[in-house]
Amino acid sequence: MAALGWILSDEARADRLLALTGLTPDALRGGLGDSAVLGAVMDFLAAHEPDLVAAAETLGVQPETLALAGRELAR
C-alpha cells in the first residue's frame, strides 16, 4: 500500500501512526494483508487533512480517493 509507505517515510509521522492506532511495528508488518489494519492506517491518514492532501499529491491521486479507500476497507 503506497499510502502506508508514504506515512512511514517520515519518522515523526510513523511514530504518530503507531501512537494513535495502538499498532506495534510487528502488528503493522503482520497485518499488511488485513483489511482492519489497513483501514486503521487509512483512518489515521484521513483524520489529519494536511497529511491526507500531501499523501494524495505525492501518490498522484485525489484526497477523496484515499478517503474512499479507507471507507471501503472498513466494510
Protein backbone atom coordinates (compact mmCIF):
# COMPACT_ATOMS: atom_id res chain seq x y z
CA MET A 1 0.00 0.00 0.00
CA ALA A 2 1.59 3.20 -1.22
CA ALA A 3 -0.16 5.36 1.39
CA LEU A 4 1.43 3.34 4.19
CA GLY A 5 4.83 3.75 2.56
CA TRP A 6 4.24 7.49 2.44
CA ILE A 7 3.31 7.57 6.12
CA LEU A 8 6.35 5.53 7.12
CA SER A 9 8.72 7.69 5.07
CA ASP A 10 8.68 10.27 7.87
CA GLU A 11 9.77 9.10 11.33
CA ALA A 12 7.60 11.55 13.27
CA ARG A 13 4.55 10.65 11.19
CA ALA A 14 5.28 6.93 11.59
CA ASP A 15 5.59 7.35 15.36
CA ARG A 16 2.27 9.23 15.41
CA LEU A 17 0.63 6.40 13.42
CA LEU A 18 1.76 3.84 15.97
CA ALA A 19 0.78 6.01 18.93
CA LEU A 20 -2.68 6.88 17.65
CA THR A 21 -3.61 3.47 16.25
CA GLY A 22 -2.10 1.40 19.03
CA LEU A 23 -0.36 -0.74 16.44
CA THR A 24 3.13 -2.03 17.06
CA PRO A 25 5.70 -2.33 14.27
CA ASP A 26 5.26 -6.12 14.35
CA ALA A 27 1.45 -5.88 14.22
CA LEU A 28 1.71 -3.45 11.34
CA ARG A 29 4.04 -5.74 9.38
CA GLY A 30 1.92 -8.78 10.16
CA GLY A 31 -1.30 -7.01 9.26
CA LEU A 32 -0.41 -5.79 5.78
CA GLY A 33 -2.98 -8.16 4.29
CA ASP A 34 -5.60 -7.46 6.96
CA SER A 35 -8.32 -5.01 5.95
CA ALA A 36 -8.80 -3.92 9.59
CA VAL A 37 -5.14 -2.90 9.90
CA LEU A 38 -5.13 -1.20 6.51
CA GLY A 39 -8.40 0.53 7.41
CA ALA A 40 -6.80 1.85 10.61
CA VAL A 41 -3.91 3.19 8.55
CA MET A 42 -6.29 4.93 6.15
CA ASP A 43 -8.38 6.30 9.03
CA PHE A 44 -5.19 7.73 10.50
CA LEU A 45 -4.42 9.43 7.21
CA ALA A 46 -7.94 10.75 6.69
CA ALA A 47 -8.08 12.15 10.24
CA HIS A 48 -5.36 14.72 9.53
CA GLU A 49 -6.23 16.66 6.40
CA PRO A 50 -2.75 18.12 5.78
CA ASP A 51 -1.32 14.58 5.66
CA LEU A 52 -4.20 13.34 3.52
CA VAL A 53 -3.66 16.13 0.99
CA ALA A 54 0.14 15.72 0.99
CA ALA A 55 -0.08 11.95 0.57
CA ALA A 56 -2.58 12.29 -2.26
CA GLU A 57 -0.36 14.79 -4.03
CA THR A 58 2.71 12.57 -3.69
CA LEU A 59 0.79 9.49 -4.83
CA GLY A 60 -0.88 11.30 -7.73
CA VAL A 61 -4.46 10.70 -6.59
CA GLN A 62 -7.28 12.83 -5.25
CA PRO A 63 -7.61 13.05 -1.45
CA GLU A 64 -11.16 11.77 -1.84
CA THR A 65 -9.80 8.61 -3.44
CA LEU A 66 -7.70 7.86 -0.37
CA ALA A 67 -10.59 8.62 1.98
CA LEU A 68 -12.88 6.36 -0.05
CA ALA A 69 -10.32 3.55 0.08
CA GLY A 70 -10.37 3.78 3.86
CA ARG A 71 -14.16 3.57 3.96
CA GLU A 72 -14.11 0.56 1.64
CA LEU A 73 -11.57 -1.22 3.85
CA ALA A 74 -13.79 -0.65 6.86
CA ARG A 75 -16.64 -2.62 5.30
